[in-house]
Amino acid sequence: MPATPTTPTRLADRDVLRALAAEPLVGLGAGRALLMQLAHPAVARGVAEHSDFADRPLARLFGTLDFLLVVTFGTPEQVARIAAKVRGVHTAVRGDGYSGADPDLQMWVNATLIDTALHMYERVMPPRGDDRALSAEYYRQARVVAEVLGCPLDAQPPDLAAFRAYMAETLAALEVTDTAREVAAAVLWPRGLRVLFPALAVFRLVTAALLPDELRAQYGLPWDERRRRTAAALLRTAGAMHRVTPRPLRRPPEFVLVRLAAHRVDRTLSSRRARRARGRAGQATDE
């Protein structure tokens, strides 16, 4: 089958991508990846203006993770179907200075996911074997996530060294805006989920600990020596649990991951289409 945006040439080459994505410990970095995404002003504006983050503060987080799971573990047909739907939604996400179909923004969003997965693997999970070679191969394979959204491989950093340089350069240029802080606050301190206060407190602490220092400061997240020690102990404990838990017990079956993720992505996209239709209907009524 010839390569198209929905059936990229590298889609079958996902063994290392799958191995790392299947580790629950990588999921501890989800908040880090999201806040890094929002640190890009164009991403923050797009989320603020085209999502209901105030009412569903975690929807963006889980939506991105679900799409990643489908691309990682799904069949080519499943990936093509979900990618086409997501690209369709992205075409409607546009505003002053941003577009959901912008390859540069697609690359940045995927870059935060790659950087976070590598951060968890290299600094929290106990590496086995040649971790440098695995990291390089993970990056090579993980570029497919941005590719299926329309960012060609030749527009992305070609190797891990170039990717590290891209991340350093981009992070140095980012400036967290008030919009980003507003969205981040809705995610870290969600009003409607107070029953989950203990889990959310851990989520906030771990997210702050994993963020690059400069972004943590720009977001104004509380941070001191006591928090640093507590977070370090939590991450050491998580790493130890990872080490002693047999792989079959810590990794859910892949078909379950794909089925649940695909269902949530479909539901989220349907909800967005319905909201846009209501918005258009309201505008027509006003006219």
Protein backbone atom coordinates (compact mmCIF):
# COMPACT_ATOMS: atom_id res chain seq x y z
CA MET A 1 0.00 0.00 0.00
CA PRO A 2 1.52 3.37 -0.90
CA ALA A 3 2.35 5.69 1.94
CA THR A 4 -0.18 8.42 2.66
CA PRO A 5 -0.66 10.73 5.67
CA THR A 6 -2.94 8.09 7.20
CA THR A 7 -0.70 5.10 6.43
CA PRO A 8 2.84 6.38 7.07
CA THR A 9 5.82 4.38 5.95
CA ARG A 10 7.02 3.75 9.50
CA LEU A 11 3.75 2.63 11.05
CA ALA A 12 4.78 -1.03 11.29
CA ASP A 13 8.05 -0.12 13.04
CA ARG A 14 6.74 0.32 16.58
CA ASP A 15 8.32 -2.34 18.82
CA VAL A 16 10.32 0.05 21.05
CA LEU A 17 7.56 2.65 20.96
CA ARG A 18 5.13 0.02 22.20
CA ALA A 19 7.49 -1.34 24.85
CA LEU A 20 7.86 2.04 26.52
CA ALA A 21 4.29 3.27 26.00
CA ALA A 22 2.94 0.14 27.70
CA GLU A 23 4.68 1.01 30.97
CA PRO A 24 2.23 2.62 33.41
CA LEU A 25 5.12 4.50 35.02
CA VAL A 26 5.47 6.61 31.87
CA GLY A 27 1.95 7.86 32.52
CA LEU A 28 3.16 9.68 35.64
CA GLY A 29 4.65 12.25 33.28
CA ALA A 30 1.33 13.11 31.61
CA GLY A 31 0.95 16.38 33.51
CA ARG A 32 4.50 17.37 32.60
CA ALA A 33 3.82 16.82 28.90
CA LEU A 34 0.58 18.80 29.02
CA LEU A 35 2.08 21.81 30.78
CA MET A 36 5.01 21.78 28.36
CA GLN A 37 2.52 21.84 25.48
CA LEU A 38 0.64 24.76 27.02
CA ALA A 39 3.88 26.69 27.49
CA HIS A 40 3.75 27.30 23.74
CA PRO A 41 1.49 30.37 23.48
CA ALA A 42 -0.21 29.15 20.28
CA VAL A 43 -1.11 25.81 21.87
CA ALA A 44 -2.43 27.54 24.99
CA ARG A 45 -4.66 29.85 22.92
CA GLY A 46 -5.96 26.95 20.86
CA VAL A 47 -6.87 24.94 23.95
CA ALA A 48 -8.45 27.91 25.70
CA GLU A 49 -10.51 28.99 22.69
CA HIS A 50 -11.51 25.60 21.29
CA SER A 51 -12.06 23.34 24.28
CA ASP A 52 -14.22 23.23 27.38
CA PHE A 53 -11.25 22.93 29.72
CA ALA A 54 -13.06 24.77 32.52
CA ASP A 55 -15.83 22.14 32.62
CA ARG A 56 -13.72 19.15 31.57
CA PRO A 57 -10.21 20.08 32.69
CA LEU A 58 -8.62 16.68 32.09
CA ALA A 59 -10.16 16.09 28.65
CA ARG A 60 -7.16 17.51 26.77
CA LEU A 61 -4.78 15.36 28.81
CA PHE A 62 -6.65 12.10 28.28
CA GLY A 63 -7.49 12.92 24.67
CA THR A 64 -3.82 13.27 23.77
CA LEU A 65 -2.89 10.10 25.64
CA ASP A 66 -5.70 8.14 24.01
CA PHE A 67 -4.64 9.22 20.54
CA LEU A 68 -1.06 8.22 21.39
CA LEU A 69 -2.25 4.78 22.50
CA VAL A 70 -4.19 4.18 19.29
CA VAL A 71 -1.27 5.22 17.09
CA THR A 72 1.11 3.08 19.16
CA PHE A 73 -0.89 -0.12 19.49
CA GLY A 74 -3.63 0.09 16.87
CA THR A 75 -3.78 -1.60 13.50
CA PRO A 76 -3.03 0.53 10.41
CA GLU A 77 -6.77 0.70 9.76
CA GLN A 78 -7.51 1.90 13.30
CA VAL A 79 -4.74 4.47 13.13
CA ALA A 80 -5.92 5.76 9.74
CA ARG A 81 -9.52 6.10 10.96
CA ILE A 82 -8.67 7.95 14.17
CA ALA A 83 -6.03 10.13 12.51
CA ALA A 84 -8.47 11.23 9.80
CA LYS A 85 -11.02 12.22 12.44
CA VAL A 86 -8.46 14.13 14.52
CA ARG A 87 -7.14 15.94 11.46
CA GLY A 88 -10.70 16.90 10.59
CA VAL A 89 -11.16 18.45 14.03
CA HIS A 90 -7.80 20.22 13.81
CA THR A 91 -8.83 22.00 10.60
CA ALA A 92 -11.50 23.83 12.60
CA VAL A 93 -9.05 24.82 15.35
CA ARG A 94 -7.72 28.14 14.15
CA GLY A 95 -7.43 31.64 15.47
CA ASP A 96 -5.10 34.60 15.81
CA GLY A 97 -1.62 33.22 15.21
CA TYR A 98 -2.39 29.51 15.41
CA SER A 99 -3.88 26.58 13.54
CA GLY A 100 -4.48 23.01 14.64
CA ALA A 101 -3.16 21.89 11.27
CA ASP A 102 0.19 23.68 11.74
CA PRO A 103 2.96 21.03 11.39
CA ASP A 104 5.21 22.97 13.76
CA LEU A 105 2.60 22.84 16.54
CA GLN A 106 1.92 19.15 15.82
CA MET A 107 5.63 18.49 16.14
CA TRP A 108 5.84 20.41 19.42
CA VAL A 109 2.94 18.51 20.98
CA ASN A 110 4.50 15.19 20.01
CA ALA A 111 7.92 16.41 21.13
CA THR A 112 6.62 16.97 24.65
CA LEU A 113 5.30 13.40 24.73
CA ILE A 114 8.60 11.99 23.45
CA ASP A 115 10.69 14.11 25.81
CA THR A 116 8.52 13.12 28.77
CA ALA A 117 8.63 9.39 27.95
CA LEU A 118 12.43 9.55 27.65
CA HIS A 119 12.65 11.55 30.88
CA MET A 120 10.67 8.89 32.73
CA TYR A 121 12.66 6.07 31.17
CA GLU A 122 16.10 7.54 31.72
CA ARG A 123 15.59 9.18 35.14
CA VAL A 124 12.80 7.30 36.90
CA MET A 125 12.64 3.78 35.47
CA PRO A 126 15.69 1.56 35.99
CA PRO A 127 17.25 1.33 32.49
CA ARG A 128 18.23 -2.09 31.21
CA GLY A 129 20.81 -2.81 28.55
CA ASP A 130 22.01 -0.03 26.27
CA ASP A 131 19.64 2.74 27.30
CA ARG A 132 21.21 5.21 24.90
CA ALA A 133 20.49 2.96 21.94
CA LEU A 134 16.93 2.36 23.17
CA SER A 135 16.33 6.09 23.63
CA ALA A 136 17.54 6.79 20.10
CA GLU A 137 15.35 4.06 18.64
CA TYR A 138 12.35 5.21 20.68
CA TYR A 139 12.72 8.70 19.25
CA ARG A 140 13.05 7.37 15.71
CA GLN A 141 9.82 5.39 16.04
CA ALA A 142 7.85 7.94 18.05
CA ARG A 143 8.02 10.51 15.25
CA VAL A 144 5.18 8.57 13.63
CA VAL A 145 2.67 10.20 16.00
CA ALA A 146 3.24 13.63 14.48
CA GLU A 147 3.54 12.10 11.01
CA VAL A 148 0.03 10.66 11.02
CA LEU A 149 -1.29 14.13 11.88
CA GLY A 150 0.40 15.66 8.87
CA CYS A 151 3.90 16.65 10.01
CA PRO A 152 6.28 14.90 7.56
CA LEU A 153 9.29 13.03 8.86
CA ASP A 154 11.66 15.31 6.99
CA ALA A 155 10.21 18.29 8.88
CA GLN A 156 11.12 16.69 12.23
CA PRO A 157 14.57 16.44 13.84
CA PRO A 158 16.26 13.47 12.14
CA ASP A 159 17.81 11.84 15.20
CA LEU A 160 17.95 11.97 19.00
CA ALA A 161 20.82 14.46 19.14
CA ALA A 162 18.98 16.86 16.85
CA PHE A 163 15.81 16.34 18.89
CA ARG A 164 17.62 17.24 22.12
CA ALA A 165 18.93 20.40 20.49
CA TYR A 166 15.40 21.26 19.25
CA MET A 167 13.97 20.80 22.74
CA ALA A 168 16.65 22.95 24.37
CA GLU A 169 16.21 25.72 21.81
CA THR A 170 12.41 25.68 22.00
CA LEU A 171 12.27 25.60 25.79
CA ALA A 172 14.68 28.53 26.01
CA ALA A 173 12.37 30.59 23.78
CA LEU A 174 9.06 29.74 25.48
CA GLU A 175 7.27 32.13 27.78
CA VAL A 176 4.31 30.87 29.80
CA THR A 177 1.34 33.17 29.28
CA ASP A 178 -1.57 34.00 31.56
CA THR A 179 -3.74 31.86 29.27
CA ALA A 180 -1.45 28.88 29.82
CA ARG A 181 -1.50 29.42 33.58
CA GLU A 182 -5.31 29.59 33.53
CA VAL A 183 -5.62 26.30 31.65
CA ALA A 184 -2.94 24.66 33.81
CA ALA A 185 -4.74 25.75 36.99
CA ALA A 186 -7.98 24.21 35.74
CA VAL A 187 -6.14 20.93 35.16
CA LEU A 188 -4.11 20.88 38.37
CA TRP A 189 -6.88 22.20 40.66
CA PRO A 190 -10.12 21.01 38.97
CA ARG A 191 -13.20 22.36 40.72
CA GLY A 192 -15.47 19.39 40.06
CA LEU A 193 -13.11 16.63 41.21
CA ARG A 194 -12.59 17.46 44.87
CA VAL A 195 -13.37 13.87 45.80
CA LEU A 196 -10.05 12.97 44.16
CA PHE A 197 -8.12 15.45 46.30
CA PRO A 198 -5.44 12.98 47.53
CA ALA A 199 -4.69 11.70 44.02
CA LEU A 200 -4.71 15.23 42.59
CA ALA A 201 -2.30 16.41 45.28
CA VAL A 202 0.14 13.68 44.21
CA PHE A 203 -0.48 14.55 40.55
CA ARG A 204 0.39 18.20 41.19
CA LEU A 205 3.50 17.36 43.18
CA VAL A 206 4.84 14.89 40.62
CA THR A 207 4.05 17.23 37.74
CA ALA A 208 5.92 20.09 39.40
CA ALA A 209 8.88 17.82 40.15
CA LEU A 210 9.17 16.56 36.58
CA LEU A 211 8.81 19.91 34.83
CA PRO A 212 11.94 21.71 33.63
CA ASP A 213 12.94 24.22 36.31
CA GLU A 214 12.31 27.25 34.11
CA LEU A 215 8.76 26.20 33.28
CA ARG A 216 7.93 25.33 36.88
CA ALA A 217 8.97 28.83 37.89
CA GLN A 218 7.03 30.48 35.05
CA TYR A 219 3.87 28.58 35.98
CA GLY A 220 4.33 29.72 39.57
CA LEU A 221 3.93 26.22 40.97
CA PRO A 222 4.67 25.89 44.70
CA TRP A 223 8.12 24.41 45.19
CA ASP A 224 10.49 24.14 48.12
CA GLU A 225 12.92 21.68 49.68
CA ARG A 226 10.19 19.72 51.46
CA ARG A 227 8.23 19.25 48.24
CA ARG A 228 11.40 18.29 46.39
CA ARG A 229 12.26 15.58 48.94
CA THR A 230 8.69 14.24 49.00
CA ALA A 231 8.50 14.07 45.21
CA ALA A 232 11.91 12.38 45.01
CA ALA A 233 10.75 9.75 47.50
CA LEU A 234 7.54 9.14 45.54
CA LEU A 235 9.42 8.72 42.28
CA ARG A 236 12.00 6.40 43.88
CA THR A 237 9.18 4.28 45.27
CA ALA A 238 7.47 4.19 41.88
CA GLY A 239 10.73 3.12 40.26
CA ALA A 240 11.24 0.39 42.85
CA MET A 241 7.70 -0.90 42.31
CA HIS A 242 8.37 -0.98 38.58
CA ARG A 243 11.51 -3.02 39.15
CA VAL A 244 9.91 -5.71 41.32
CA THR A 245 6.58 -6.05 39.50
CA PRO A 246 6.62 -8.67 36.73
CA ARG A 247 5.95 -7.25 33.28
CA PRO A 248 2.69 -9.22 32.69
CA LEU A 249 1.26 -7.78 35.91
CA ARG A 250 2.17 -4.15 35.32
CA ARG A 251 1.14 -3.92 31.64
CA PRO A 252 -2.55 -4.16 30.67
CA PRO A 253 -3.36 -6.12 27.49
CA GLU A 254 -2.74 -4.03 24.38
CA PHE A 255 -6.13 -4.79 22.80
CA VAL A 256 -7.83 -3.42 25.92
CA LEU A 257 -5.79 -0.22 25.74
CA VAL A 258 -6.67 0.30 22.08
CA ARG A 259 -10.36 -0.47 22.49
CA LEU A 260 -10.81 1.89 25.45
CA ALA A 261 -8.69 4.63 23.89
CA ALA A 262 -10.46 4.46 20.53
CA HIS A 263 -13.84 4.60 22.24
CA ARG A 264 -12.85 7.68 24.27
CA VAL A 265 -11.37 9.43 21.22
CA ASP A 266 -14.55 8.78 19.21
CA ARG A 267 -16.71 10.07 22.05
CA THR A 268 -14.58 13.19 22.51
CA LEU A 269 -14.56 14.01 18.80
CA SER A 270 -18.32 13.49 18.55
CA SER A 271 -18.82 15.83 21.50
CA ARG A 272 -16.66 18.50 19.85
CA ARG A 273 -18.56 18.23 16.58
CA ALA A 274 -21.84 18.59 18.44
CA ARG A 275 -20.57 21.71 20.26
CA ARG A 276 -19.44 23.29 17.01
CA ALA A 277 -22.82 22.53 15.41
CA ARG A 278 -24.62 24.16 18.34
CA GLY A 279 -22.32 27.17 18.06
CA ARG A 280 -23.06 27.56 14.36
CA ALA A 281 -26.77 27.19 15.00
CA GLY A 282 -26.58 29.90 17.68
CA GLN A 283 -24.79 32.27 15.33
CA ALA A 284 -27.38 31.68 12.62
CA THR A 285 -30.17 32.44 15.11
CA ASP A 286 -28.50 35.68 16.17
CA GLU A 287 -28.22 36.76 12.54
